[in-house]
Amino acid sequence: MPVEYAGGMTSFHDFEMSSITGELVNFSTYRGKVCLLVNVASF
């Protein structure tokens, strides 16, 4: 469950997502690194 900060915002590092291989990836793994997040969803 993401941690809420002042103003109701959450940190990128609080989220998890399934990888393309189905493994659960915790974004805190990437703390201190430059990340590019791309939304590839389409209708």
C-alpha atoms as a PDB file:
ATOM      1  CA  MET A   1       0.000   0.000   0.000  1.00  0.00           C
ATOM      2  CA  PRO A   2       1.495   3.370  -1.018  1.00  0.00           C
ATOM      3  CA  VAL A   3       2.427   5.869   1.680  1.00  0.00           C
ATOM      4  CA  GLU A   4       0.559   9.187   1.412  1.00  0.00           C
ATOM      5  CA  TYR A   5       2.546  12.388   1.835  1.00  0.00           C
ATOM      6  CA  ALA A   6       1.278  15.910   2.551  1.00  0.00           C
ATOM      7  CA  GLY A   7      -1.341  16.852  -0.021  1.00  0.00           C
ATOM      8  CA  GLY A   8      -2.276  13.228  -0.727  1.00  0.00           C
ATOM      9  CA  MET A   9       0.705  12.605  -3.037  1.00  0.00           C
ATOM     10  CA  THR A  10       2.578   9.297  -3.043  1.00  0.00           C
ATOM     11  CA  SER A  11       6.184   8.597  -3.947  1.00  0.00           C
ATOM     12  CA  PHE A  12       7.201   6.753  -7.114  1.00  0.00           C
ATOM     13  CA  HIS A  13       9.215   4.414  -4.894  1.00  0.00           C
ATOM     14  CA  ASP A  14       6.085   3.242  -3.026  1.00  0.00           C
ATOM     15  CA  PHE A  15       4.585   1.465  -6.055  1.00  0.00           C
ATOM     16  CA  GLU A  16       4.927  -2.073  -7.389  1.00  0.00           C
ATOM     17  CA  MET A  17       4.157  -3.452 -10.822  1.00  0.00           C
ATOM     18  CA  SER A  18       4.297  -6.738 -12.702  1.00  0.00           C
ATOM     19  CA  SER A  19       7.164  -7.041 -15.165  1.00  0.00           C
ATOM     20  CA  ILE A  20       6.727  -8.366 -18.685  1.00  0.00           C
ATOM     21  CA  THR A  21       7.715 -11.809 -17.338  1.00  0.00           C
ATOM     22  CA  GLY A  22       5.104 -11.622 -14.572  1.00  0.00           C
ATOM     23  CA  GLU A  23       7.513 -10.949 -11.689  1.00  0.00           C
ATOM     24  CA  LEU A  24       6.543  -8.318  -9.106  1.00  0.00           C
ATOM     25  CA  VAL A  25       8.914  -5.333  -9.301  1.00  0.00           C
ATOM     26  CA  ASN A  26       9.126  -2.896  -6.387  1.00  0.00           C
ATOM     27  CA  PHE A  27      10.107   0.582  -7.590  1.00  0.00           C
ATOM     28  CA  SER A  28      12.097   1.186  -4.392  1.00  0.00           C
ATOM     29  CA  THR A  29      14.726  -1.015  -6.096  1.00  0.00           C
ATOM     30  CA  TYR A  30      15.454   1.994  -8.309  1.00  0.00           C
ATOM     31  CA  ARG A  31      15.860   4.559  -5.498  1.00  0.00           C
ATOM     32  CA  GLY A  32      18.811   6.849  -6.260  1.00  0.00           C
ATOM     33  CA  LYS A  33      18.816   5.955  -9.964  1.00  0.00           C
ATOM     34  CA  VAL A  34      17.463   7.841 -12.956  1.00  0.00           C
ATOM     35  CA  CYS A  35      14.249   6.221 -14.235  1.00  0.00           C
ATOM     36  CA  LEU A  36      12.135   6.811 -17.307  1.00  0.00           C
ATOM     37  CA  LEU A  37       8.533   5.713 -16.913  1.00  0.00           C
ATOM     38  CA  VAL A  38       6.662   5.194 -20.199  1.00  0.00           C
ATOM     39  CA  ASN A  39       2.930   4.533 -20.478  1.00  0.00           C
ATOM     40  CA  VAL A  40       2.428   2.200 -23.421  1.00  0.00           C
ATOM     41  CA  ALA A  41      -1.258   1.471 -22.821  1.00  0.00           C
ATOM     42  CA  SER A  42      -3.612   1.888 -25.756  1.00  0.00           C
ATOM     43  CA  PHE A  43      -7.261   1.258 -26.561  1.00  0.00           C
END
